[in-house]
Amino acid sequence: MDKEDILKASRKENKNKDLAELEVANQAGSVAARVGATICCIISLLSSMIARTMLYSPWTIYFSIMGTQWLVCFIKRKKKSDLVIGIVFLSLAVLAFIEVMKRLLEAPV
């Protein structure tokens, strides 16, 4: 196999995506997840201090995103730990969603 054949096989395997580009996208996703968690914490802290209530809606969204991300990782890499983490995040999303729905149903119209 010569150099061109190796490059062609690599491009086919990576679907014509640059490995550096894929790494940057991966790092961006990791930073975005941290920023999202930080914002959820700030919103929860402020609502707790100012309104004396806990907001679950930001956590529903955040846990849904993280659960989906980990399940996609499981599908791609087949690591059982990715599956467990994905299930935990999605379970937290369901619990937060239930709490959001309970509060909505209790709210005066």
N, C-alpha and C. Protein backbone atom coordinates (compact mmCIF):
# COMPACT_ATOMS: atom_id res chain seq x y z
N MET A 1 0.84 -1.17 0.00
CA MET A 1 0.00 0.00 0.00
C MET A 1 0.89 1.24 0.00
N ASP A 2 0.68 2.11 -0.97
CA ASP A 2 1.49 3.32 -1.01
C ASP A 2 0.79 4.45 -0.24
N LYS A 3 1.44 5.59 -0.19
CA LYS A 3 0.98 6.73 0.60
C LYS A 3 -0.42 7.19 0.16
N GLU A 4 -0.66 7.24 -1.14
CA GLU A 4 -1.96 7.69 -1.65
C GLU A 4 -3.09 6.74 -1.26
N ASP A 5 -2.82 5.44 -1.29
CA ASP A 5 -3.83 4.46 -0.89
C ASP A 5 -4.18 4.60 0.59
N ILE A 6 -3.15 4.83 1.40
CA ILE A 6 -3.36 5.01 2.84
C ILE A 6 -4.19 6.27 3.10
N LEU A 7 -3.86 7.37 2.42
CA LEU A 7 -4.63 8.61 2.58
C LEU A 7 -6.07 8.44 2.12
N LYS A 8 -6.26 7.74 1.01
CA LYS A 8 -7.60 7.51 0.49
C LYS A 8 -8.42 6.68 1.48
N ALA A 9 -7.82 5.64 2.04
CA ALA A 9 -8.50 4.80 3.02
C ALA A 9 -8.84 5.59 4.28
N SER A 10 -7.92 6.45 4.70
CA SER A 10 -8.15 7.28 5.89
C SER A 10 -9.29 8.26 5.66
N ARG A 11 -9.32 8.88 4.49
CA ARG A 11 -10.41 9.82 4.16
C ARG A 11 -11.75 9.10 4.15
N LYS A 12 -11.76 7.90 3.59
CA LYS A 12 -13.00 7.13 3.53
C LYS A 12 -13.47 6.75 4.94
N GLU A 13 -12.53 6.33 5.78
CA GLU A 13 -12.85 5.93 7.14
C GLU A 13 -13.37 7.12 7.96
N ASN A 14 -12.79 8.28 7.76
CA ASN A 14 -13.18 9.47 8.52
C ASN A 14 -14.22 10.31 7.80
N LYS A 15 -14.79 9.78 6.73
CA LYS A 15 -15.85 10.45 5.96
C LYS A 15 -15.43 11.84 5.52
N ASN A 16 -14.21 11.96 5.02
CA ASN A 16 -13.65 13.20 4.50
C ASN A 16 -13.57 14.32 5.54
N LYS A 17 -13.56 13.99 6.81
CA LYS A 17 -13.43 15.00 7.85
C LYS A 17 -12.00 14.99 8.37
N ASP A 18 -11.49 16.17 8.56
CA ASP A 18 -10.14 16.34 9.08
C ASP A 18 -10.12 15.93 10.55
N LEU A 19 -9.13 15.16 10.97
CA LEU A 19 -9.04 14.70 12.36
C LEU A 19 -8.90 15.87 13.32
N ALA A 20 -8.14 16.90 12.92
CA ALA A 20 -8.01 18.08 13.76
C ALA A 20 -9.36 18.77 13.94
N GLU A 21 -10.14 18.81 12.87
CA GLU A 21 -11.48 19.41 12.92
C GLU A 21 -12.38 18.62 13.86
N LEU A 22 -12.30 17.31 13.81
CA LEU A 22 -13.09 16.47 14.70
C LEU A 22 -12.70 16.69 16.16
N GLU A 23 -11.41 16.83 16.41
CA GLU A 23 -10.93 17.06 17.78
C GLU A 23 -11.40 18.41 18.31
N VAL A 24 -11.37 19.43 17.46
CA VAL A 24 -11.86 20.76 17.87
C VAL A 24 -13.35 20.68 18.20
N ALA A 25 -14.12 20.00 17.40
CA ALA A 25 -15.55 19.85 17.65
C ALA A 25 -15.80 19.11 18.96
N ASN A 26 -14.99 18.10 19.24
CA ASN A 26 -15.11 17.34 20.48
C ASN A 26 -14.80 18.23 21.69
N GLN A 27 -13.73 19.02 21.60
CA GLN A 27 -13.37 19.93 22.68
C GLN A 27 -14.44 21.00 22.88
N ALA A 28 -15.00 21.51 21.78
CA ALA A 28 -16.05 22.52 21.87
C ALA A 28 -17.27 21.95 22.59
N GLY A 29 -17.62 20.71 22.28
CA GLY A 29 -18.75 20.07 22.96
C GLY A 29 -18.50 19.91 24.45
N SER A 30 -17.27 19.57 24.81
CA SER A 30 -16.92 19.41 26.21
C SER A 30 -17.02 20.74 26.96
N VAL A 31 -16.50 21.79 26.35
CA VAL A 31 -16.57 23.12 26.98
C VAL A 31 -18.02 23.57 27.07
N ALA A 32 -18.80 23.34 26.02
CA ALA A 32 -20.22 23.72 26.02
C ALA A 32 -20.98 23.02 27.14
N ALA A 33 -20.66 21.76 27.39
CA ALA A 33 -21.32 21.02 28.47
C ALA A 33 -21.00 21.64 29.82
N ARG A 34 -19.77 22.03 30.03
CA ARG A 34 -19.37 22.67 31.30
C ARG A 34 -20.06 24.02 31.47
N VAL A 35 -20.10 24.79 30.39
CA VAL A 35 -20.76 26.10 30.45
C VAL A 35 -22.25 25.91 30.74
N GLY A 36 -22.88 24.94 30.09
CA GLY A 36 -24.29 24.66 30.33
C GLY A 36 -24.56 24.30 31.79
N ALA A 37 -23.71 23.46 32.37
CA ALA A 37 -23.87 23.08 33.77
C ALA A 37 -23.69 24.29 34.68
N THR A 38 -22.72 25.13 34.36
CA THR A 38 -22.49 26.33 35.16
C THR A 38 -23.69 27.27 35.12
N ILE A 39 -24.24 27.48 33.94
CA ILE A 39 -25.41 28.35 33.79
C ILE A 39 -26.60 27.77 34.54
N CYS A 40 -26.81 26.46 34.46
CA CYS A 40 -27.90 25.84 35.21
C CYS A 40 -27.72 26.04 36.71
N CYS A 41 -26.49 25.92 37.19
CA CYS A 41 -26.22 26.14 38.61
C CYS A 41 -26.50 27.59 39.01
N ILE A 42 -26.08 28.52 38.18
CA ILE A 42 -26.31 29.94 38.48
C ILE A 42 -27.80 30.25 38.51
N ILE A 43 -28.53 29.77 37.51
CA ILE A 43 -29.99 30.00 37.46
C ILE A 43 -30.65 29.37 38.68
N SER A 44 -30.27 28.16 39.03
CA SER A 44 -30.87 27.48 40.19
C SER A 44 -30.54 28.23 41.48
N LEU A 45 -29.32 28.67 41.62
CA LEU A 45 -28.92 29.40 42.82
C LEU A 45 -29.68 30.72 42.95
N LEU A 46 -29.74 31.47 41.85
CA LEU A 46 -30.45 32.74 41.87
C LEU A 46 -31.94 32.56 42.16
N SER A 47 -32.58 31.57 41.53
CA SER A 47 -34.01 31.35 41.78
C SER A 47 -34.25 30.91 43.22
N SER A 48 -33.31 30.15 43.76
CA SER A 48 -33.44 29.71 45.14
C SER A 48 -33.29 30.89 46.10
N MET A 49 -32.35 31.78 45.82
CA MET A 49 -32.11 32.92 46.70
C MET A 49 -33.19 34.00 46.55
N ILE A 50 -33.59 34.29 45.33
CA ILE A 50 -34.51 35.40 45.08
C ILE A 50 -35.97 34.97 45.24
N ALA A 51 -36.36 33.90 44.60
CA ALA A 51 -37.76 33.48 44.60
C ALA A 51 -38.06 32.38 45.61
N ARG A 52 -37.04 31.89 46.29
CA ARG A 52 -37.18 30.81 47.26
C ARG A 52 -37.84 29.57 46.65
N THR A 53 -37.44 29.26 45.42
CA THR A 53 -37.94 28.07 44.75
C THR A 53 -36.85 27.48 43.86
N MET A 54 -36.96 26.23 43.60
CA MET A 54 -36.00 25.55 42.73
C MET A 54 -36.59 25.43 41.34
N LEU A 55 -35.83 25.84 40.34
CA LEU A 55 -36.26 25.69 38.96
C LEU A 55 -35.69 24.38 38.41
N TYR A 56 -36.57 23.55 37.86
CA TYR A 56 -36.14 22.27 37.31
C TYR A 56 -36.06 22.28 35.79
N SER A 57 -36.67 23.26 35.16
CA SER A 57 -36.70 23.27 33.69
C SER A 57 -35.32 23.36 33.06
N PRO A 58 -34.38 24.19 33.57
CA PRO A 58 -33.05 24.18 32.94
C PRO A 58 -32.35 22.83 33.08
N TRP A 59 -32.58 22.18 34.22
CA TRP A 59 -31.95 20.87 34.44
C TRP A 59 -32.55 19.81 33.53
N THR A 60 -33.84 19.91 33.25
CA THR A 60 -34.47 18.98 32.32
C THR A 60 -33.78 19.04 30.97
N ILE A 61 -33.57 20.25 30.49
CA ILE A 61 -32.91 20.43 29.20
C ILE A 61 -31.47 19.95 29.24
N TYR A 62 -30.73 20.37 30.28
CA TYR A 62 -29.31 20.01 30.38
C TYR A 62 -29.13 18.49 30.47
N PHE A 63 -29.89 17.84 31.36
CA PHE A 63 -29.75 16.39 31.51
C PHE A 63 -30.16 15.65 30.24
N SER A 64 -31.14 16.17 29.52
CA SER A 64 -31.54 15.55 28.25
C SER A 64 -30.41 15.61 27.23
N ILE A 65 -29.77 16.77 27.15
CA ILE A 65 -28.64 16.93 26.23
C ILE A 65 -27.51 15.98 26.59
N MET A 66 -27.16 15.96 27.88
CA MET A 66 -26.04 15.12 28.31
C MET A 66 -26.36 13.63 28.14
N GLY A 67 -27.58 13.24 28.45
CA GLY A 67 -27.97 11.84 28.29
C GLY A 67 -27.89 11.40 26.83
N THR A 68 -28.38 12.26 25.96
CA THR A 68 -28.31 11.96 24.53
C THR A 68 -26.87 11.85 24.06
N GLN A 69 -26.04 12.78 24.52
CA GLN A 69 -24.62 12.77 24.13
C GLN A 69 -23.95 11.46 24.55
N TRP A 70 -24.20 11.02 25.78
CA TRP A 70 -23.58 9.78 26.26
C TRP A 70 -24.13 8.55 25.55
N LEU A 71 -25.43 8.56 25.22
CA LEU A 71 -25.98 7.41 24.50
C LEU A 71 -25.43 7.32 23.08
N VAL A 72 -25.20 8.46 22.44
CA VAL A 72 -24.57 8.45 21.12
C VAL A 72 -23.15 7.90 21.24
N CYS A 73 -22.44 8.31 22.29
CA CYS A 73 -21.09 7.77 22.51
C CYS A 73 -21.15 6.26 22.68
N PHE A 74 -22.15 5.77 23.42
CA PHE A 74 -22.29 4.32 23.59
C PHE A 74 -22.53 3.63 22.26
N ILE A 75 -23.39 4.21 21.43
CA ILE A 75 -23.70 3.61 20.14
C ILE A 75 -22.45 3.53 19.27
N LYS A 76 -21.62 4.57 19.33
CA LYS A 76 -20.41 4.62 18.49
C LYS A 76 -19.28 3.76 19.05
N ARG A 77 -19.09 3.79 20.39
CA ARG A 77 -17.92 3.14 20.98
C ARG A 77 -18.22 1.80 21.66
N LYS A 78 -19.48 1.55 21.95
CA LYS A 78 -19.91 0.30 22.59
C LYS A 78 -19.32 0.11 24.00
N LYS A 79 -19.04 1.22 24.69
CA LYS A 79 -18.54 1.13 26.07
C LYS A 79 -19.72 1.14 27.02
N LYS A 80 -19.79 0.13 27.89
CA LYS A 80 -20.92 0.02 28.81
C LYS A 80 -20.98 1.19 29.77
N SER A 81 -19.84 1.76 30.12
CA SER A 81 -19.86 2.91 31.03
C SER A 81 -20.57 4.09 30.39
N ASP A 82 -20.44 4.27 29.08
CA ASP A 82 -21.16 5.33 28.37
C ASP A 82 -22.67 5.11 28.47
N LEU A 83 -23.09 3.86 28.37
CA LEU A 83 -24.51 3.52 28.48
C LEU A 83 -25.04 3.84 29.88
N VAL A 84 -24.28 3.46 30.89
CA VAL A 84 -24.70 3.71 32.28
C VAL A 84 -24.83 5.21 32.53
N ILE A 85 -23.83 5.97 32.12
CA ILE A 85 -23.87 7.42 32.32
C ILE A 85 -25.04 8.03 31.55
N GLY A 86 -25.27 7.58 30.34
CA GLY A 86 -26.40 8.07 29.54
C GLY A 86 -27.73 7.79 30.21
N ILE A 87 -27.88 6.60 30.75
CA ILE A 87 -29.12 6.24 31.44
C ILE A 87 -29.31 7.08 32.70
N VAL A 88 -28.22 7.32 33.42
CA VAL A 88 -28.32 8.15 34.63
C VAL A 88 -28.77 9.56 34.26
N PHE A 89 -28.14 10.16 33.25
CA PHE A 89 -28.52 11.51 32.84
C PHE A 89 -29.97 11.56 32.35
N LEU A 90 -30.38 10.59 31.57
CA LEU A 90 -31.76 10.59 31.08
C LEU A 90 -32.76 10.34 32.21
N SER A 91 -32.37 9.56 33.19
CA SER A 91 -33.23 9.36 34.36
C SER A 91 -33.40 10.66 35.13
N LEU A 92 -32.30 11.40 35.29
CA LEU A 92 -32.38 12.70 35.94
C LEU A 92 -33.25 13.66 35.14
N ALA A 93 -33.15 13.59 33.82
CA ALA A 93 -33.98 14.44 32.96
C ALA A 93 -35.46 14.11 33.16
N VAL A 94 -35.80 12.83 33.24
CA VAL A 94 -37.19 12.43 33.44
C VAL A 94 -37.69 12.91 34.81
N LEU A 95 -36.87 12.76 35.84
CA LEU A 95 -37.27 13.22 37.17
C LEU A 95 -37.48 14.73 37.20
N ALA A 96 -36.58 15.46 36.59
CA ALA A 96 -36.72 16.92 36.54
C ALA A 96 -37.96 17.30 35.74
N PHE A 97 -38.22 16.59 34.64
CA PHE A 97 -39.40 16.86 33.83
C PHE A 97 -40.68 16.60 34.62
N ILE A 98 -40.70 15.54 35.39
CA ILE A 98 -41.87 15.24 36.22
C ILE A 98 -42.11 16.37 37.21
N GLU A 99 -41.05 16.87 37.80
CA GLU A 99 -41.19 17.98 38.75
C GLU A 99 -41.71 19.24 38.06
N VAL A 100 -41.22 19.52 36.86
CA VAL A 100 -41.71 20.66 36.08
C VAL A 100 -43.20 20.50 35.81
N MET A 101 -43.61 19.32 35.39
CA MET A 101 -45.02 19.07 35.08
C MET A 101 -45.90 19.19 36.33
N LYS A 102 -45.42 18.68 37.46
CA LYS A 102 -46.18 18.79 38.71
C LYS A 102 -46.42 20.25 39.05
N ARG A 103 -45.40 21.07 38.92
CA ARG A 103 -45.54 22.49 39.24
C ARG A 103 -46.46 23.19 38.25
N LEU A 104 -46.39 22.81 36.99
CA LEU A 104 -47.27 23.41 36.01
C LEU A 104 -48.73 23.07 36.28
N LEU A 105 -48.98 21.83 36.65
CA LEU A 105 -50.34 21.41 36.93
C LEU A 105 -50.90 22.04 38.22
N GLU A 106 -50.01 22.37 39.16
CA GLU A 106 -50.43 23.00 40.42
C GLU A 106 -50.60 24.52 40.27
N ALA A 107 -50.07 25.09 39.22
CA ALA A 107 -50.09 26.54 39.05
C ALA A 107 -51.50 27.05 38.81
N PRO A 108 -51.85 28.18 39.44
CA PRO A 108 -53.17 28.75 39.18
C PRO A 108 -53.24 29.31 37.76
N VAL A 109 -54.39 29.13 37.16
CA VAL A 109 -54.57 29.58 35.77
C VAL A 109 -55.20 30.94 35.71
